[in-house]
Structures are given as C-alpha cells and as structure tokens.
C-alpha atoms as a PDB file:
ATOM      1  CA  UNK A   1     116.168-109.620 -81.965  1.00  0.00           C
ATOM      2  CA  UNK A   2     117.550-106.146 -82.008  1.00  0.00           C
ATOM      3  CA  UNK A   3     115.066-103.097 -82.339  1.00  0.00           C
ATOM      4  CA  UNK A   4     116.164-102.559 -86.475  1.00  0.00           C
ATOM      5  CA  UNK A   5     114.793-106.347 -86.452  1.00  0.00           C
ATOM      6  CA  UNK A   6     111.644-105.450 -84.715  1.00  0.00           C
ATOM      7  CA  UNK A   7     110.867-102.004 -85.912  1.00  0.00           C
ATOM      8  CA  UNK A   8     111.932-103.915 -89.703  1.00  0.00           C
ATOM      9  CA  UNK A   9     109.206-106.695 -88.584  1.00  0.00           C
ATOM     10  CA  UNK A  10     106.886-104.189 -87.761  1.00  0.00           C
ATOM     11  CA  UNK A  11     106.695-102.075 -90.906  1.00  0.00           C
ATOM     12  CA  UNK A  12     105.623-105.383 -92.644  1.00  0.00           C
ATOM     13  CA  UNK A  13     102.714-106.126 -89.979  1.00  0.00           C
ATOM     14  CA  UNK A  14     101.557-102.847 -91.155  1.00  0.00           C
ATOM     15  CA  UNK A  15     101.635-103.975 -94.928  1.00  0.00           C
ATOM     16  CA  UNK A  16     100.446-107.363 -94.415  1.00  0.00           C
ATOM     17  CA  UNK A  17      97.314-105.677 -92.729  1.00  0.00           C
ATOM     18  CA  UNK A  18      95.862-103.345 -95.566  1.00  0.00           C
ATOM     19  CA  UNK A  19      96.735-105.791 -97.861  1.00  0.00           C
ATOM     20  CA  UNK A  20      94.761-107.687 -95.696  1.00  0.00           C
ATOM     21  CA  UNK A  21      92.500-104.931 -95.599  1.00  0.00           C
ATOM     22  CA  UNK A  22      92.230-104.306 -99.194  1.00  0.00           C
ATOM     23  CA  UNK A  23      91.021-108.489-100.007  1.00  0.00           C
ATOM     24  CA  UNK A  24      88.716-107.932 -97.055  1.00  0.00           C
ATOM     25  CA  UNK A  25      86.428-105.611 -99.274  1.00  0.00           C
ATOM     26  CA  UNK A  26      87.402-107.028-102.373  1.00  0.00           C
ATOM     27  CA  UNK A  27      85.822-110.434-100.629  1.00  0.00           C
ATOM     28  CA  UNK A  28      82.797-108.179 -99.682  1.00  0.00           C
ATOM     29  CA  UNK A  29      82.605-105.823-103.041  1.00  0.00           C
ATOM     30  CA  UNK A  30      82.374-109.395-104.259  1.00  0.00           C
ATOM     31  CA  UNK A  31      79.458-111.198-102.168  1.00  0.00           C
ATOM     32  CA  UNK A  32      77.208-107.948-102.679  1.00  0.00           C
ATOM     33  CA  UNK A  33      77.852-108.084-106.782  1.00  0.00           C
ATOM     34  CA  UNK A  34      76.764-111.903-106.955  1.00  0.00           C
ATOM     35  CA  UNK A  35      73.945-111.113-103.975  1.00  0.00           C
ATOM     36  CA  UNK A  36      72.305-108.066-106.780  1.00  0.00           C
ATOM     37  CA  UNK A  37      72.979-110.839-109.084  1.00  0.00           C
ATOM     38  CA  UNK A  38      70.361-113.148-108.134  1.00  0.00           C
ATOM     39  CA  UNK A  39      68.313-110.640-107.258  1.00  0.00           C
ATOM     40  CA  UNK A  40      65.170-110.429-109.526  1.00  0.00           C
ATOM     41  CA  UNK A  41      65.359-108.026-112.139  1.00  0.00           C
ATOM     42  CA  UNK A  42      69.475-106.472-112.201  1.00  0.00           C
ATOM     43  CA  UNK A  43      69.373-103.428-111.190  1.00  0.00           C
ATOM     44  CA  UNK A  44      71.829-101.731-113.625  1.00  0.00           C
ATOM     45  CA  UNK A  45      72.322 -98.486-111.191  1.00  0.00           C
ATOM     46  CA  UNK A  46      73.107-100.770-108.625  1.00  0.00           C
ATOM     47  CA  UNK A  47      75.865-102.771-110.592  1.00  0.00           C
ATOM     48  CA  UNK A  48      77.675-100.234-112.141  1.00  0.00           C
ATOM     49  CA  UNK A  49      78.135 -98.535-107.827  1.00  0.00           C
ATOM     50  CA  UNK A  50      79.715-101.487-107.251  1.00  0.00           C
ATOM     51  CA  UNK A  51      82.106-102.052-110.671  1.00  0.00           C
ATOM     52  CA  UNK A  52      82.955 -98.239-109.928  1.00  0.00           C
ATOM     53  CA  UNK A  53      83.401 -99.500-105.216  1.00  0.00           C
ATOM     54  CA  UNK A  54      85.035-102.576-106.972  1.00  0.00           C
ATOM     55  CA  UNK A  55      88.052-100.173-109.317  1.00  0.00           C
ATOM     56  CA  UNK A  56      88.510 -98.165-105.682  1.00  0.00           C
ATOM     57  CA  UNK A  57      89.626-101.465-103.804  1.00  0.00           C
ATOM     58  CA  UNK A  58      93.548-101.065-103.104  1.00  0.00           C
ATOM     59  CA  UNK A  59      93.772-105.147-104.436  1.00  0.00           C
ATOM     60  CA  UNK A  60      96.793-104.709-106.369  1.00  0.00           C
ATOM     61  CA  UNK A  61      99.401-105.575-104.324  1.00  0.00           C
ATOM     62  CA  UNK A  62     103.521-106.100-105.000  1.00  0.00           C
ATOM     63  CA  UNK A  63     106.735-106.221-102.913  1.00  0.00           C
ATOM     64  CA  UNK A  64     110.094-105.980-103.821  1.00  0.00           C
ATOM     65  CA  UNK A  65     112.922-106.916-101.333  1.00  0.00           C
ATOM     66  CA  UNK A  66     115.857-106.412-101.319  1.00  0.00           C
ATOM     67  CA  UNK A  67     119.166-104.788 -99.631  1.00  0.00           C
ATOM     68  CA  UNK A  68     119.568-101.578 -98.811  1.00  0.00           C
ATOM     69  CA  UNK A  69     123.578-101.514 -98.325  1.00  0.00           C
ATOM     70  CA  UNK A  70     126.382-103.895 -99.925  1.00  0.00           C
ATOM     71  CA  UNK A  71     128.126-104.729 -96.785  1.00  0.00           C
ATOM     72  CA  UNK A  72     124.792-106.517 -95.101  1.00  0.00           C
ATOM     73  CA  UNK A  73     122.392-109.608 -96.036  1.00  0.00           C
ATOM     74  CA  UNK A  74     119.022-111.050 -95.815  1.00  0.00           C
ATOM     75  CA  UNK A  75     116.850-108.336 -98.555  1.00  0.00           C
ATOM     76  CA  UNK A  76     115.449-107.151 -94.610  1.00  0.00           C
ATOM     77  CA  UNK A  77     114.069-103.564 -96.475  1.00  0.00           C
ATOM     78  CA  UNK A  78     111.400-103.907 -98.934  1.00  0.00           C
ATOM     79  CA  UNK A  79     108.815-102.035-101.226  1.00  0.00           C
ATOM     80  CA  UNK A  80     105.322-102.207-100.893  1.00  0.00           C
ATOM     81  CA  UNK A  81     102.677-101.065-103.625  1.00  0.00           C
ATOM     82  CA  UNK A  82      99.300-100.748-103.151  1.00  0.00           C
ATOM     83  CA  UNK A  83      96.917 -99.035-104.886  1.00  0.00           C
ATOM     84  CA  UNK A  84      94.106 -99.646-106.815  1.00  0.00           C
ATOM     85  CA  UNK A  85      92.358-100.115-110.850  1.00  0.00           C
ATOM     86  CA  UNK A  86      92.668 -97.042-111.578  1.00  0.00           C
ATOM     87  CA  UNK A  87      96.232 -96.473-109.637  1.00  0.00           C
ATOM     88  CA  UNK A  88      95.739 -94.556-107.212  1.00  0.00           C
ATOM     89  CA  UNK A  89      97.208 -96.383-103.405  1.00  0.00           C
ATOM     90  CA  UNK A  90     100.472 -96.257-101.772  1.00  0.00           C
ATOM     91  CA  UNK A  91     104.013 -97.196-101.798  1.00  0.00           C
ATOM     92  CA  UNK A  92     105.531 -97.860 -98.469  1.00  0.00           C
ATOM     93  CA  UNK A  93     109.545 -98.310 -97.996  1.00  0.00           C
ATOM     94  CA  UNK A  94     111.087-100.322 -94.933  1.00  0.00           C
ATOM     95  CA  UNK A  95     114.570 -99.318 -95.388  1.00  0.00           C
ATOM     96  CA  UNK A  96     117.135-102.199 -92.796  1.00  0.00           C
ATOM     97  CA  UNK A  97     120.301-101.024 -92.278  1.00  0.00           C
ATOM     98  CA  UNK A  98     122.220-102.039 -89.205  1.00  0.00           C
ATOM     99  CA  UNK A  99     121.450 -99.313 -86.343  1.00  0.00           C
ATOM    100  CA  UNK A 100     117.959 -98.059 -87.425  1.00  0.00           C
ATOM    101  CA  UNK A 101     115.171 -99.070 -90.148  1.00  0.00           C
ATOM    102  CA  UNK A 102     113.322 -96.426 -91.304  1.00  0.00           C
ATOM    103  CA  UNK A 103     110.088 -96.366 -92.103  1.00  0.00           C
ATOM    104  CA  UNK A 104     108.368 -94.630 -95.648  1.00  0.00           C
ATOM    105  CA  UNK A 105     104.920 -94.208 -96.885  1.00  0.00           C
ATOM    106  CA  UNK A 106     104.418 -91.680-100.620  1.00  0.00           C
ATOM    107  CA  UNK A 107     101.153 -91.586-101.845  1.00  0.00           C
ATOM    108  CA  UNK A 108     100.914 -92.894-105.734  1.00  0.00           C
ATOM    109  CA  UNK A 109      97.352 -91.033-108.042  1.00  0.00           C
ATOM    110  CA  UNK A 110      96.764 -92.659-110.831  1.00  0.00           C
ATOM    111  CA  UNK A 111     100.372 -94.110-110.928  1.00  0.00           C
ATOM    112  CA  UNK A 112     102.170 -91.460-109.835  1.00  0.00           C
ATOM    113  CA  UNK A 113     103.622 -90.531-106.077  1.00  0.00           C
ATOM    114  CA  UNK A 114     103.340 -87.168-105.464  1.00  0.00           C
ATOM    115  CA  UNK A 115     107.591 -87.451-104.431  1.00  0.00           C
ATOM    116  CA  UNK A 116     109.909 -89.238-106.282  1.00  0.00           C
ATOM    117  CA  UNK A 117     110.730 -92.821-105.984  1.00  0.00           C
ATOM    118  CA  UNK A 118     113.095 -95.374-105.376  1.00  0.00           C
ATOM    119  CA  UNK A 119     113.956 -98.041-107.892  1.00  0.00           C
ATOM    120  CA  UNK A 120     112.837-100.035-105.600  1.00  0.00           C
ATOM    121  CA  UNK A 121     109.172 -98.674-104.759  1.00  0.00           C
ATOM    122  CA  UNK A 122     109.173 -98.230-109.059  1.00  0.00           C
ATOM    123  CA  UNK A 123     110.399-101.521-109.810  1.00  0.00           C
ATOM    124  CA  UNK A 124     107.209-102.399-106.419  1.00  0.00           C
ATOM    125  CA  UNK A 125     104.570-100.138-108.731  1.00  0.00           C
ATOM    126  CA  UNK A 126     105.257-102.028-111.876  1.00  0.00           C
ATOM    127  CA  UNK A 127     104.375-104.845-110.390  1.00  0.00           C
ATOM    128  CA  UNK A 128     101.762-104.000-108.346  1.00  0.00           C
ATOM    129  CA  UNK A 129      99.375-102.174-111.797  1.00  0.00           C
ATOM    130  CA  UNK A 130     100.820-105.850-113.897  1.00  0.00           C
ATOM    131  CA  UNK A 131      99.385-108.349-111.396  1.00  0.00           C
ATOM    132  CA  UNK A 132     103.007-109.450-110.993  1.00  0.00           C
ATOM    133  CA  UNK A 133     103.482-110.756-107.354  1.00  0.00           C
ATOM    134  CA  UNK A 134     106.785-111.180-105.522  1.00  0.00           C
ATOM    135  CA  UNK A 135     109.271-109.678-107.461  1.00  0.00           C
END
C-alpha cells in the first residue's frame, strides 16, 4: 500500500468516524425522546429541548467520489458533507494524486461555507441537504 493510499484511507476513516459519532448521538437523543414521552406527564420544555438537540446533531451526510485528475482512475478522491438540520457542519475533501493525497475541511454555517467550494463539494453539500446517500 502506498503512502498516498494510506493517507486517503486515513481521510476516509476520519469521515466515517465523524458520521458514526453523529449517528450515535442521534440514537442517544432519540432514546431520550422515547423515555420522556413514556414519562407521565410529558414535559413540553423537555421535549422542546430534545427536539432542539436533535436538530443540532450532525446527521445529514453525503459523499461524492471522483477522479481529481484526468489521467487517474478509480475515483479515489472524495468530498463529504456532514451537516445538521440548519445546515451547520463541515465539508471534507481528500484529493488523491499520483505522489500524494491532501485532505481539506471547510466549515459550513447555515448552508454556506466559510471558503469557496469546489463543484464536488457543492454536490456533496446539496446531497446532504436533500438526504441523498452517495452522490
């Protein structure tokens, strides 16, 4: 395995770990909602707080794989968007080249990034907002 492939794999592992953490947080919050609804009487303030927490969970995820350079195949480069209900989160990209792999992260607030997005990053962000899985 080359250094580039290892670096790309590390970037993918980080992305998957973030997605797993978001899903775990969502599962925990969902369990809390069910427990609160089972309690008598249900406190509207508690439910409103949980709904707010669930809305802030990074639970909308989409990945776009592509060839960053025309002379390479395998779609080893990727952009992943991980956002909450309001469009806050991040977009990560890993660009795979012959001699190296570079990984970038850009913050997203309200659906707008703090830096210019590439077409692939915009595609991943749009897919995360609409709930498309792998674009």
